[in-house]
Amino acid sequence: MGVIIDQSKCARCGRCSDICPGNLIRKDGDNKAYLKRQGDCWSCVSCVKECPVGAIALILPPELGGSGGRLTLTQDGSVTRWVAESARGVQTVIVTDTKEANKY
């Protein structure tokens, strides 16, 4: 599957390219991130979690999001908001708080 990078949202911080274990995320002439080879992406979501502006999404397999489904996230302190969106626009949201993780 892999990830997709929305260059219009890219903050040019380089955090995604620094964290990518496959060294697949590069910067273009404007210092915006792009994926070197989509097919080589491991779908590890490291870059998705590292991006501070939500410019990177994981492309979901058809059985999870239909063709074109995506998984994005936003973080606010210890709270992470995961959003899985199907190609039809149906969203499933999961909110986690690292401060609450050990209470279960």
N, C-alpha and C. Protein backbone atom coordinates (compact mmCIF):
# COMPACT_ATOMS: atom_id res chain seq x y z
N MET A 1 0.83 -1.18 0.00
CA MET A 1 0.00 0.00 0.00
C MET A 1 0.88 1.25 0.00
N GLY A 2 1.49 1.60 1.10
CA GLY A 2 2.36 2.77 1.15
C GLY A 2 1.66 4.01 1.66
N VAL A 3 2.36 5.12 1.52
CA VAL A 3 1.83 6.40 1.99
C VAL A 3 1.71 7.37 0.82
N ILE A 4 0.97 8.43 1.07
CA ILE A 4 0.84 9.51 0.10
C ILE A 4 1.13 10.82 0.84
N ILE A 5 1.87 11.70 0.20
CA ILE A 5 2.25 12.97 0.80
C ILE A 5 1.54 14.11 0.08
N ASP A 6 0.81 14.91 0.83
CA ASP A 6 0.13 16.09 0.30
C ASP A 6 1.10 17.26 0.40
N GLN A 7 1.78 17.57 -0.69
CA GLN A 7 2.80 18.62 -0.67
C GLN A 7 2.23 19.99 -0.35
N SER A 8 0.94 20.20 -0.59
CA SER A 8 0.34 21.50 -0.26
C SER A 8 0.26 21.72 1.25
N LYS A 9 0.31 20.63 2.03
CA LYS A 9 0.29 20.73 3.49
C LYS A 9 1.68 20.64 4.12
N CYS A 10 2.67 20.24 3.34
CA CYS A 10 4.02 19.99 3.86
C CYS A 10 4.62 21.25 4.49
N ALA A 11 5.15 21.09 5.71
CA ALA A 11 5.75 22.22 6.45
C ALA A 11 7.25 22.34 6.21
N ARG A 12 7.81 21.45 5.39
CA ARG A 12 9.24 21.47 5.05
C ARG A 12 10.15 21.21 6.26
N CYS A 13 9.66 20.51 7.26
CA CYS A 13 10.45 20.31 8.49
C CYS A 13 11.48 19.19 8.36
N GLY A 14 11.24 18.23 7.46
CA GLY A 14 12.18 17.14 7.26
C GLY A 14 12.06 15.99 8.24
N ARG A 15 11.10 16.07 9.15
CA ARG A 15 10.96 15.01 10.16
C ARG A 15 10.61 13.67 9.53
N CYS A 16 9.81 13.69 8.47
CA CYS A 16 9.42 12.44 7.81
C CYS A 16 10.62 11.77 7.14
N SER A 17 11.44 12.55 6.47
CA SER A 17 12.61 11.96 5.81
C SER A 17 13.63 11.47 6.82
N ASP A 18 13.72 12.13 7.96
CA ASP A 18 14.64 11.69 9.01
C ASP A 18 14.21 10.37 9.64
N ILE A 19 12.90 10.14 9.75
CA ILE A 19 12.38 8.97 10.46
C ILE A 19 12.17 7.76 9.55
N CYS A 20 12.07 7.94 8.26
CA CYS A 20 11.75 6.84 7.33
C CYS A 20 12.84 5.76 7.38
N PRO A 21 12.48 4.53 7.82
CA PRO A 21 13.49 3.47 7.93
C PRO A 21 14.00 2.98 6.57
N GLY A 22 13.24 3.22 5.52
CA GLY A 22 13.66 2.80 4.19
C GLY A 22 14.38 3.88 3.41
N ASN A 23 14.53 5.06 4.02
CA ASN A 23 15.17 6.21 3.37
C ASN A 23 14.50 6.53 2.03
N LEU A 24 13.16 6.50 2.03
CA LEU A 24 12.40 6.68 0.79
C LEU A 24 11.81 8.07 0.63
N ILE A 25 11.79 8.87 1.69
CA ILE A 25 11.20 10.20 1.60
C ILE A 25 12.32 11.21 1.36
N ARG A 26 12.15 11.98 0.32
CA ARG A 26 13.16 12.96 -0.10
C ARG A 26 12.54 14.36 -0.09
N LYS A 27 13.38 15.37 -0.34
CA LYS A 27 12.90 16.74 -0.45
C LYS A 27 13.13 17.23 -1.87
N ASP A 28 12.15 17.97 -2.38
CA ASP A 28 12.30 18.53 -3.72
C ASP A 28 13.02 19.87 -3.64
N GLY A 29 13.06 20.62 -4.72
CA GLY A 29 13.75 21.90 -4.77
C GLY A 29 13.20 22.94 -3.81
N ASP A 30 11.94 22.79 -3.41
CA ASP A 30 11.31 23.70 -2.44
C ASP A 30 11.37 23.15 -1.02
N ASN A 31 12.15 22.08 -0.81
CA ASN A 31 12.27 21.41 0.49
C ASN A 31 10.98 20.73 0.93
N LYS A 32 10.09 20.45 0.00
CA LYS A 32 8.86 19.72 0.33
C LYS A 32 9.10 18.22 0.15
N ALA A 33 8.49 17.44 1.03
CA ALA A 33 8.70 15.99 1.01
C ALA A 33 7.99 15.33 -0.17
N TYR A 34 8.62 14.29 -0.68
CA TYR A 34 7.99 13.43 -1.68
C TYR A 34 8.52 12.01 -1.48
N LEU A 35 7.74 11.04 -1.91
CA LEU A 35 8.11 9.64 -1.77
C LEU A 35 8.90 9.21 -3.00
N LYS A 36 10.09 8.69 -2.77
CA LYS A 36 10.98 8.29 -3.87
C LYS A 36 10.34 7.20 -4.74
N ARG A 37 9.93 6.10 -4.12
CA ARG A 37 9.30 4.99 -4.85
C ARG A 37 8.15 4.43 -4.02
N GLN A 38 6.94 4.67 -4.45
CA GLN A 38 5.74 4.22 -3.73
C GLN A 38 5.77 2.73 -3.43
N GLY A 39 6.15 1.93 -4.37
CA GLY A 39 6.14 0.48 -4.21
C GLY A 39 7.12 -0.05 -3.17
N ASP A 40 8.11 0.74 -2.80
CA ASP A 40 9.10 0.31 -1.82
C ASP A 40 8.70 0.64 -0.38
N CYS A 41 7.65 1.43 -0.20
CA CYS A 41 7.22 1.85 1.14
C CYS A 41 6.79 0.64 1.96
N TRP A 42 7.23 0.57 3.22
CA TRP A 42 6.94 -0.56 4.10
C TRP A 42 5.61 -0.40 4.82
N SER A 43 4.96 0.74 4.70
CA SER A 43 3.69 1.03 5.39
C SER A 43 3.84 0.94 6.90
N CYS A 44 4.99 1.38 7.40
CA CYS A 44 5.25 1.29 8.85
C CYS A 44 4.59 2.42 9.63
N VAL A 45 4.10 3.44 8.99
CA VAL A 45 3.44 4.64 9.53
C VAL A 45 4.33 5.54 10.38
N SER A 46 5.64 5.33 10.37
CA SER A 46 6.53 6.21 11.13
C SER A 46 6.40 7.65 10.67
N CYS A 47 6.37 7.87 9.37
CA CYS A 47 6.28 9.23 8.84
C CYS A 47 4.91 9.84 9.12
N VAL A 48 3.86 9.02 9.07
CA VAL A 48 2.51 9.51 9.36
C VAL A 48 2.45 10.04 10.78
N LYS A 49 3.05 9.29 11.72
CA LYS A 49 3.05 9.70 13.12
C LYS A 49 3.97 10.88 13.37
N GLU A 50 5.02 11.02 12.59
CA GLU A 50 6.01 12.08 12.81
C GLU A 50 5.60 13.43 12.22
N CYS A 51 4.78 13.43 11.18
CA CYS A 51 4.41 14.67 10.49
C CYS A 51 3.56 15.56 11.40
N PRO A 52 4.04 16.78 11.70
CA PRO A 52 3.32 17.65 12.63
C PRO A 52 2.09 18.33 12.02
N VAL A 53 1.94 18.27 10.70
CA VAL A 53 0.83 18.98 10.06
C VAL A 53 -0.16 18.05 9.35
N GLY A 54 0.01 16.74 9.49
CA GLY A 54 -0.93 15.80 8.87
C GLY A 54 -0.86 15.75 7.36
N ALA A 55 0.33 15.98 6.80
CA ALA A 55 0.48 15.99 5.35
C ALA A 55 0.66 14.60 4.75
N ILE A 56 0.83 13.59 5.61
CA ILE A 56 1.10 12.24 5.12
C ILE A 56 -0.02 11.31 5.57
N ALA A 57 -0.49 10.50 4.64
CA ALA A 57 -1.56 9.53 4.93
C ALA A 57 -1.13 8.15 4.49
N LEU A 58 -1.55 7.14 5.24
CA LEU A 58 -1.34 5.75 4.85
C LEU A 58 -2.48 5.36 3.92
N ILE A 59 -2.15 4.77 2.79
CA ILE A 59 -3.17 4.27 1.88
C ILE A 59 -3.64 2.93 2.44
N LEU A 60 -4.93 2.84 2.73
CA LEU A 60 -5.48 1.63 3.34
C LEU A 60 -5.72 0.55 2.29
N PRO A 61 -5.56 -0.73 2.68
CA PRO A 61 -5.88 -1.81 1.75
C PRO A 61 -7.39 -1.83 1.50
N PRO A 62 -7.82 -2.35 0.36
CA PRO A 62 -9.25 -2.34 0.01
C PRO A 62 -10.16 -2.94 1.07
N GLU A 63 -9.71 -3.97 1.78
CA GLU A 63 -10.57 -4.60 2.79
C GLU A 63 -10.80 -3.71 4.00
N LEU A 64 -9.98 -2.69 4.20
CA LEU A 64 -10.15 -1.77 5.32
C LEU A 64 -10.82 -0.46 4.93
N GLY A 65 -10.47 0.08 3.78
CA GLY A 65 -11.00 1.39 3.43
C GLY A 65 -11.59 1.48 2.04
N GLY A 66 -11.74 0.34 1.39
CA GLY A 66 -12.18 0.39 0.01
C GLY A 66 -11.05 0.94 -0.84
N SER A 67 -11.23 0.99 -2.11
CA SER A 67 -10.20 1.54 -2.98
C SER A 67 -10.09 3.04 -2.74
N GLY A 68 -8.93 3.50 -2.34
CA GLY A 68 -8.72 4.92 -2.10
C GLY A 68 -8.88 5.35 -0.65
N GLY A 69 -9.07 4.42 0.28
CA GLY A 69 -9.18 4.77 1.69
C GLY A 69 -7.85 5.22 2.26
N ARG A 70 -7.89 6.11 3.26
CA ARG A 70 -6.66 6.66 3.84
C ARG A 70 -6.75 6.74 5.35
N LEU A 71 -5.58 6.66 5.99
CA LEU A 71 -5.47 6.81 7.43
C LEU A 71 -4.55 7.99 7.72
N THR A 72 -5.06 8.96 8.47
CA THR A 72 -4.26 10.12 8.86
C THR A 72 -4.32 10.27 10.38
N LEU A 73 -3.49 11.15 10.90
CA LEU A 73 -3.56 11.42 12.33
C LEU A 73 -3.15 12.84 12.63
N THR A 74 -3.64 13.32 13.76
CA THR A 74 -3.21 14.60 14.31
C THR A 74 -2.88 14.36 15.78
N GLN A 75 -1.94 15.13 16.28
CA GLN A 75 -1.54 14.99 17.68
C GLN A 75 -1.66 16.32 18.39
N ASP A 76 -2.11 16.26 19.63
CA ASP A 76 -2.20 17.43 20.49
C ASP A 76 -1.72 17.00 21.87
N GLY A 77 -0.46 17.25 22.14
CA GLY A 77 0.11 16.80 23.40
C GLY A 77 0.13 15.29 23.46
N SER A 78 -0.50 14.72 24.47
CA SER A 78 -0.53 13.27 24.64
C SER A 78 -1.68 12.60 23.88
N VAL A 79 -2.53 13.40 23.25
CA VAL A 79 -3.71 12.87 22.56
C VAL A 79 -3.44 12.71 21.06
N THR A 80 -3.70 11.51 20.56
CA THR A 80 -3.56 11.22 19.14
C THR A 80 -4.94 10.90 18.58
N ARG A 81 -5.27 11.51 17.46
CA ARG A 81 -6.56 11.31 16.81
C ARG A 81 -6.30 10.66 15.45
N TRP A 82 -6.62 9.37 15.34
CA TRP A 82 -6.48 8.62 14.09
C TRP A 82 -7.79 8.71 13.33
N VAL A 83 -7.72 9.02 12.04
CA VAL A 83 -8.92 9.10 11.20
C VAL A 83 -8.74 8.19 9.99
N ALA A 84 -9.58 7.16 9.92
CA ALA A 84 -9.63 6.28 8.75
C ALA A 84 -10.80 6.76 7.90
N GLU A 85 -10.50 7.11 6.66
CA GLU A 85 -11.54 7.62 5.77
C GLU A 85 -11.63 6.75 4.53
N SER A 86 -12.84 6.28 4.24
CA SER A 86 -13.05 5.46 3.05
C SER A 86 -13.07 6.36 1.82
N ALA A 87 -13.01 5.75 0.66
CA ALA A 87 -13.06 6.51 -0.59
C ALA A 87 -14.38 7.26 -0.73
N ARG A 88 -15.41 6.79 -0.04
CA ARG A 88 -16.73 7.45 -0.09
C ARG A 88 -16.86 8.57 0.93
N GLY A 89 -15.81 8.78 1.74
CA GLY A 89 -15.84 9.86 2.72
C GLY A 89 -16.32 9.47 4.10
N VAL A 90 -16.62 8.19 4.31
CA VAL A 90 -17.05 7.72 5.62
C VAL A 90 -15.83 7.65 6.54
N GLN A 91 -15.94 8.29 7.71
CA GLN A 91 -14.80 8.35 8.63
C GLN A 91 -15.04 7.53 9.89
N THR A 92 -13.97 6.88 10.33
CA THR A 92 -13.93 6.22 11.63
C THR A 92 -12.80 6.89 12.39
N VAL A 93 -13.10 7.37 13.60
CA VAL A 93 -12.11 8.11 14.39
C VAL A 93 -11.78 7.33 15.65
N ILE A 94 -10.49 7.21 15.93
CA ILE A 94 -10.02 6.57 17.16
C ILE A 94 -9.13 7.59 17.87
N VAL A 95 -9.46 7.88 19.13
CA VAL A 95 -8.68 8.84 19.92
C VAL A 95 -7.98 8.08 21.03
N THR A 96 -6.67 8.28 21.13
CA THR A 96 -5.88 7.65 22.20
C THR A 96 -5.14 8.72 22.97
N ASP A 97 -4.91 8.45 24.24
CA ASP A 97 -4.17 9.37 25.11
C ASP A 97 -3.07 8.57 25.79
N THR A 98 -1.82 8.92 25.54
CA THR A 98 -0.71 8.16 26.11
C THR A 98 -0.71 8.21 27.63
N LYS A 99 -1.31 9.23 28.21
CA LYS A 99 -1.39 9.32 29.67
C LYS A 99 -2.33 8.26 30.24
N GLU A 100 -3.24 7.76 29.40
CA GLU A 100 -4.22 6.77 29.83
C GLU A 100 -3.81 5.34 29.46
N ALA A 101 -2.72 5.18 28.73
CA ALA A 101 -2.35 3.88 28.16
C ALA A 101 -2.16 2.77 29.19
N ASN A 102 -1.63 3.06 30.34
CA ASN A 102 -1.35 2.01 31.32
C ASN A 102 -2.48 1.77 32.31
N LYS A 103 -3.62 2.39 32.10
CA LYS A 103 -4.74 2.25 33.03
C LYS A 103 -5.60 1.02 32.74
N TYR A 104 -5.29 0.29 31.68
CA TYR A 104 -6.14 -0.84 31.30
C TYR A 104 -5.55 -2.15 31.72
